[in-house]
N, C-alpha and C. Protein backbone atom coordinates (compact mmCIF):
# COMPACT_ATOMS: atom_id res chain seq x y z
N UNK A 1 51.63 180.92 -19.45
CA UNK A 1 50.59 180.02 -19.90
C UNK A 1 50.14 179.15 -18.73
N UNK A 2 48.86 179.08 -18.49
CA UNK A 2 48.33 178.30 -17.37
C UNK A 2 48.03 176.87 -17.81
N UNK A 3 48.34 175.96 -16.90
CA UNK A 3 48.02 174.55 -17.15
C UNK A 3 46.65 174.25 -16.58
N UNK A 4 45.92 173.39 -17.26
CA UNK A 4 44.64 172.95 -16.73
C UNK A 4 44.90 171.88 -15.69
N UNK A 5 44.24 172.00 -14.55
CA UNK A 5 44.40 171.03 -13.47
C UNK A 5 43.17 170.15 -13.45
N UNK A 6 43.40 168.85 -13.47
CA UNK A 6 42.29 167.91 -13.41
C UNK A 6 41.74 167.88 -11.99
N UNK A 7 40.43 167.91 -11.85
CA UNK A 7 39.86 167.76 -10.50
C UNK A 7 40.09 166.34 -9.99
N UNK A 8 40.21 166.21 -8.68
CA UNK A 8 40.38 164.88 -8.10
C UNK A 8 39.11 164.08 -8.32
N UNK A 9 39.25 162.85 -8.75
CA UNK A 9 38.07 162.02 -8.95
C UNK A 9 37.73 161.31 -7.65
N UNK A 10 36.46 161.31 -7.33
CA UNK A 10 35.98 160.65 -6.12
C UNK A 10 35.44 159.28 -6.52
N UNK A 11 35.90 158.23 -5.81
CA UNK A 11 35.41 156.89 -6.14
C UNK A 11 33.88 156.81 -6.06
N UNK A 12 33.31 155.93 -6.86
CA UNK A 12 31.85 155.80 -6.96
C UNK A 12 31.19 155.49 -5.62
N UNK A 13 31.80 154.59 -4.82
CA UNK A 13 31.18 154.23 -3.54
C UNK A 13 31.17 155.41 -2.56
N UNK A 14 32.16 156.30 -2.64
CA UNK A 14 32.16 157.49 -1.79
C UNK A 14 31.07 158.47 -2.22
N UNK A 15 30.84 158.59 -3.53
CA UNK A 15 29.77 159.46 -4.02
C UNK A 15 28.41 158.98 -3.53
N UNK A 16 28.21 157.66 -3.53
CA UNK A 16 26.94 157.10 -3.07
C UNK A 16 26.73 157.40 -1.60
N UNK A 17 27.76 157.18 -0.78
CA UNK A 17 27.66 157.44 0.65
C UNK A 17 27.36 158.91 0.90
N UNK A 18 28.04 159.81 0.18
CA UNK A 18 27.80 161.26 0.34
C UNK A 18 26.38 161.63 -0.07
N UNK A 19 25.90 161.08 -1.18
CA UNK A 19 24.57 161.44 -1.65
C UNK A 19 23.48 160.96 -0.70
N UNK A 20 23.71 159.87 0.00
CA UNK A 20 22.72 159.35 0.95
C UNK A 20 22.85 159.99 2.33
N UNK A 21 23.85 160.84 2.51
CA UNK A 21 24.09 161.52 3.79
C UNK A 21 24.31 160.52 4.94
N UNK A 22 25.05 159.47 4.64
CA UNK A 22 25.35 158.44 5.63
C UNK A 22 26.74 158.69 6.20
N UNK A 23 27.01 158.22 7.43
CA UNK A 23 28.33 158.44 8.03
C UNK A 23 29.42 157.67 7.29
N UNK A 24 30.43 158.40 6.82
CA UNK A 24 31.51 157.79 6.04
C UNK A 24 32.32 156.81 6.87
N UNK A 25 32.55 157.13 8.14
CA UNK A 25 33.43 156.29 8.95
C UNK A 25 32.93 154.87 9.05
N UNK A 26 31.67 154.66 9.29
CA UNK A 26 31.18 153.30 9.46
C UNK A 26 30.99 152.58 8.13
N UNK A 27 30.56 153.27 7.09
CA UNK A 27 30.30 152.60 5.82
C UNK A 27 31.56 152.37 5.00
N UNK A 28 32.53 153.27 5.09
CA UNK A 28 33.75 153.11 4.30
C UNK A 28 34.89 152.55 5.14
N UNK A 29 34.69 152.38 6.44
CA UNK A 29 35.72 151.83 7.30
C UNK A 29 36.84 152.80 7.59
N UNK A 30 36.57 154.10 7.48
CA UNK A 30 37.60 155.11 7.72
C UNK A 30 37.98 155.14 9.20
N UNK A 31 39.26 155.35 9.45
CA UNK A 31 39.72 155.49 10.83
C UNK A 31 39.34 156.86 11.35
N UNK A 32 39.02 156.92 12.64
CA UNK A 32 38.68 158.17 13.30
C UNK A 32 39.71 158.41 14.38
N UNK A 33 40.36 159.56 14.34
CA UNK A 33 41.36 159.93 15.34
C UNK A 33 40.85 161.17 16.05
N UNK A 34 40.67 161.06 17.37
CA UNK A 34 40.23 162.18 18.18
C UNK A 34 41.33 162.48 19.18
N UNK A 35 41.88 163.69 19.12
CA UNK A 35 42.97 164.08 20.02
C UNK A 35 42.42 165.12 21.00
N UNK A 36 42.64 164.89 22.28
CA UNK A 36 42.22 165.82 23.32
C UNK A 36 43.46 166.47 23.89
N UNK A 37 43.61 167.77 23.62
CA UNK A 37 44.82 168.47 24.06
C UNK A 37 46.04 167.81 23.44
N UNK A 38 47.10 167.68 24.22
CA UNK A 38 48.28 166.97 23.73
C UNK A 38 48.57 165.75 24.59
N UNK A 39 47.53 165.27 25.30
CA UNK A 39 47.77 164.16 26.22
C UNK A 39 46.95 162.90 25.97
N UNK A 40 45.93 162.97 25.12
CA UNK A 40 45.11 161.79 24.86
C UNK A 40 44.74 161.70 23.39
N UNK A 41 44.71 160.48 22.88
CA UNK A 41 44.23 160.24 21.52
C UNK A 41 43.37 158.97 21.53
N UNK A 42 42.22 159.06 20.89
CA UNK A 42 41.34 157.92 20.73
C UNK A 42 41.32 157.57 19.25
N UNK A 43 41.57 156.30 18.94
CA UNK A 43 41.59 155.86 17.55
C UNK A 43 40.52 154.79 17.38
N UNK A 44 39.66 154.97 16.39
CA UNK A 44 38.61 154.01 16.09
C UNK A 44 38.82 153.47 14.68
N UNK A 45 38.38 152.27 14.45
CA UNK A 45 38.43 151.61 13.13
C UNK A 45 39.85 151.44 12.61
N UNK A 46 40.75 150.98 13.44
CA UNK A 46 42.09 150.68 12.95
C UNK A 46 42.17 149.18 12.70
N UNK A 47 43.11 148.76 11.86
CA UNK A 47 43.23 147.33 11.52
C UNK A 47 44.25 146.61 12.38
N UNK A 48 45.35 147.27 12.72
CA UNK A 48 46.38 146.60 13.49
C UNK A 48 47.47 147.55 13.94
N UNK A 49 48.30 147.03 14.83
CA UNK A 49 49.42 147.81 15.36
C UNK A 49 50.70 147.32 14.68
N UNK A 50 51.47 148.27 14.16
CA UNK A 50 52.71 147.93 13.46
C UNK A 50 53.91 148.14 14.37
N UNK A 51 53.91 149.24 15.12
CA UNK A 51 55.05 149.57 15.99
C UNK A 51 54.52 150.22 17.26
N UNK A 52 55.17 149.89 18.38
CA UNK A 52 54.77 150.48 19.67
C UNK A 52 56.00 150.69 20.53
N UNK A 53 56.40 151.95 20.68
CA UNK A 53 57.45 152.33 21.62
C UNK A 53 56.93 153.49 22.44
N UNK A 54 57.71 153.95 23.42
CA UNK A 54 57.24 155.08 24.23
C UNK A 54 57.35 156.42 23.50
N UNK A 55 57.92 156.41 22.28
CA UNK A 55 58.02 157.64 21.48
C UNK A 55 57.30 157.56 20.14
N UNK A 56 56.85 156.38 19.74
CA UNK A 56 56.23 156.22 18.42
C UNK A 56 55.24 155.07 18.44
N UNK A 57 54.02 155.34 17.97
CA UNK A 57 53.03 154.29 17.79
C UNK A 57 52.56 154.37 16.35
N UNK A 58 52.68 153.26 15.63
CA UNK A 58 52.30 153.22 14.22
C UNK A 58 51.18 152.20 14.06
N UNK A 59 50.05 152.66 13.52
CA UNK A 59 48.87 151.82 13.35
C UNK A 59 48.54 151.70 11.87
N UNK A 60 47.95 150.57 11.51
CA UNK A 60 47.49 150.38 10.14
C UNK A 60 45.99 150.64 10.11
N UNK A 61 45.58 151.60 9.29
CA UNK A 61 44.17 151.85 9.03
C UNK A 61 43.76 151.11 7.78
N UNK A 62 42.54 151.31 7.34
CA UNK A 62 42.08 150.64 6.12
C UNK A 62 42.77 151.20 4.88
N UNK A 63 42.96 152.53 4.84
CA UNK A 63 43.50 153.15 3.64
C UNK A 63 44.87 153.78 3.85
N UNK A 64 45.33 153.89 5.09
CA UNK A 64 46.62 154.53 5.34
C UNK A 64 47.16 154.08 6.70
N UNK A 65 48.37 154.52 7.00
CA UNK A 65 48.95 154.27 8.31
C UNK A 65 48.82 155.54 9.14
N UNK A 66 48.67 155.37 10.44
CA UNK A 66 48.54 156.49 11.36
C UNK A 66 49.74 156.45 12.29
N UNK A 67 50.54 157.52 12.29
CA UNK A 67 51.73 157.60 13.14
C UNK A 67 51.48 158.62 14.24
N UNK A 68 51.68 158.21 15.47
CA UNK A 68 51.55 159.10 16.62
C UNK A 68 52.91 159.16 17.29
N UNK A 69 53.43 160.37 17.41
CA UNK A 69 54.76 160.57 18.00
C UNK A 69 54.63 161.42 19.24
N UNK A 70 55.56 161.21 20.17
CA UNK A 70 55.54 161.98 21.40
C UNK A 70 56.52 161.41 22.41
N UNK A 71 56.20 161.63 23.67
CA UNK A 71 57.04 161.14 24.76
C UNK A 71 56.16 160.44 25.79
N UNK A 72 56.70 159.40 26.38
CA UNK A 72 55.99 158.61 27.39
C UNK A 72 54.63 158.12 26.88
N UNK A 73 54.58 157.72 25.61
CA UNK A 73 53.32 157.23 25.04
C UNK A 73 53.00 155.86 25.61
N UNK A 74 51.73 155.68 25.94
CA UNK A 74 51.25 154.40 26.45
C UNK A 74 49.88 154.11 25.84
N UNK A 75 49.61 152.87 25.62
CA UNK A 75 48.27 152.46 25.20
C UNK A 75 47.51 152.08 26.46
N UNK A 76 46.55 152.90 26.84
CA UNK A 76 45.76 152.63 28.05
C UNK A 76 44.89 151.40 27.90
N UNK A 77 44.22 151.30 26.75
CA UNK A 77 43.43 150.11 26.45
C UNK A 77 43.29 149.98 24.94
N UNK A 78 42.98 148.80 24.49
CA UNK A 78 42.67 148.60 23.08
C UNK A 78 41.75 147.41 22.93
N UNK A 79 40.92 147.48 21.91
CA UNK A 79 40.05 146.38 21.51
C UNK A 79 40.27 146.18 20.02
N UNK A 80 39.47 145.33 19.41
CA UNK A 80 39.57 145.14 17.96
C UNK A 80 39.10 146.38 17.20
N UNK A 81 38.38 147.28 17.88
CA UNK A 81 37.78 148.41 17.20
C UNK A 81 38.38 149.76 17.57
N UNK A 82 38.87 149.91 18.81
CA UNK A 82 39.36 151.22 19.22
C UNK A 82 40.47 151.11 20.25
N UNK A 83 41.16 152.23 20.48
CA UNK A 83 42.21 152.27 21.49
C UNK A 83 42.36 153.69 22.02
N UNK A 84 42.92 153.78 23.22
CA UNK A 84 43.21 155.07 23.84
C UNK A 84 44.71 155.14 24.11
N UNK A 85 45.32 156.22 23.63
CA UNK A 85 46.75 156.45 23.81
C UNK A 85 46.92 157.69 24.69
N UNK A 86 47.79 157.59 25.69
CA UNK A 86 48.08 158.74 26.55
C UNK A 86 49.58 159.01 26.54
N UNK A 87 49.95 160.18 27.00
CA UNK A 87 51.34 160.61 27.03
C UNK A 87 51.41 162.04 26.51
N UNK A 88 52.58 162.49 26.17
CA UNK A 88 52.74 163.83 25.58
C UNK A 88 52.80 163.66 24.07
N UNK A 89 51.69 163.93 23.40
CA UNK A 89 51.58 163.75 21.95
C UNK A 89 52.09 165.01 21.26
N UNK A 90 53.07 164.83 20.38
CA UNK A 90 53.63 165.97 19.66
C UNK A 90 53.26 165.98 18.18
N UNK A 91 52.85 164.82 17.63
CA UNK A 91 52.59 164.78 16.19
C UNK A 91 51.67 163.61 15.87
N UNK A 92 50.70 163.86 15.00
CA UNK A 92 49.85 162.81 14.43
C UNK A 92 49.93 162.96 12.92
N UNK A 93 50.33 161.90 12.22
CA UNK A 93 50.44 161.98 10.76
C UNK A 93 49.83 160.75 10.11
N UNK A 94 49.43 160.97 8.88
CA UNK A 94 48.84 159.91 8.06
C UNK A 94 49.81 159.59 6.94
N UNK A 95 50.25 158.35 6.89
CA UNK A 95 51.27 157.95 5.90
C UNK A 95 50.66 157.09 4.81
C-alpha cells in the first residue's frame, strides 16, 4: 500500500519573488556560497561568524548555518556583507 506524500509548501513571500522573476538572494537574504576548486570560497549575505579555526569555519546565515571544513583555512578578508576563505577546503555543509 502506497502512502500519499504531501508536497513541500513554499512560503508565500518566496512564491511572490519567484513569480516576479526577481533574484532570491537579495530579496530573501539568502546566503550565496561560491567555491572555486578546493582552495577558495566566497560567502555573501552571512550574518556572523560563530567559529574560526584553521580546520573549521562556522558562519550564521539568515536561515541556516554554513560549515566549511578543511586544512589551513584562513579568512583573507571579510566585510559586513561578504568574505573570502582560502586553504584546502574539503567540505561545505548547511546545518
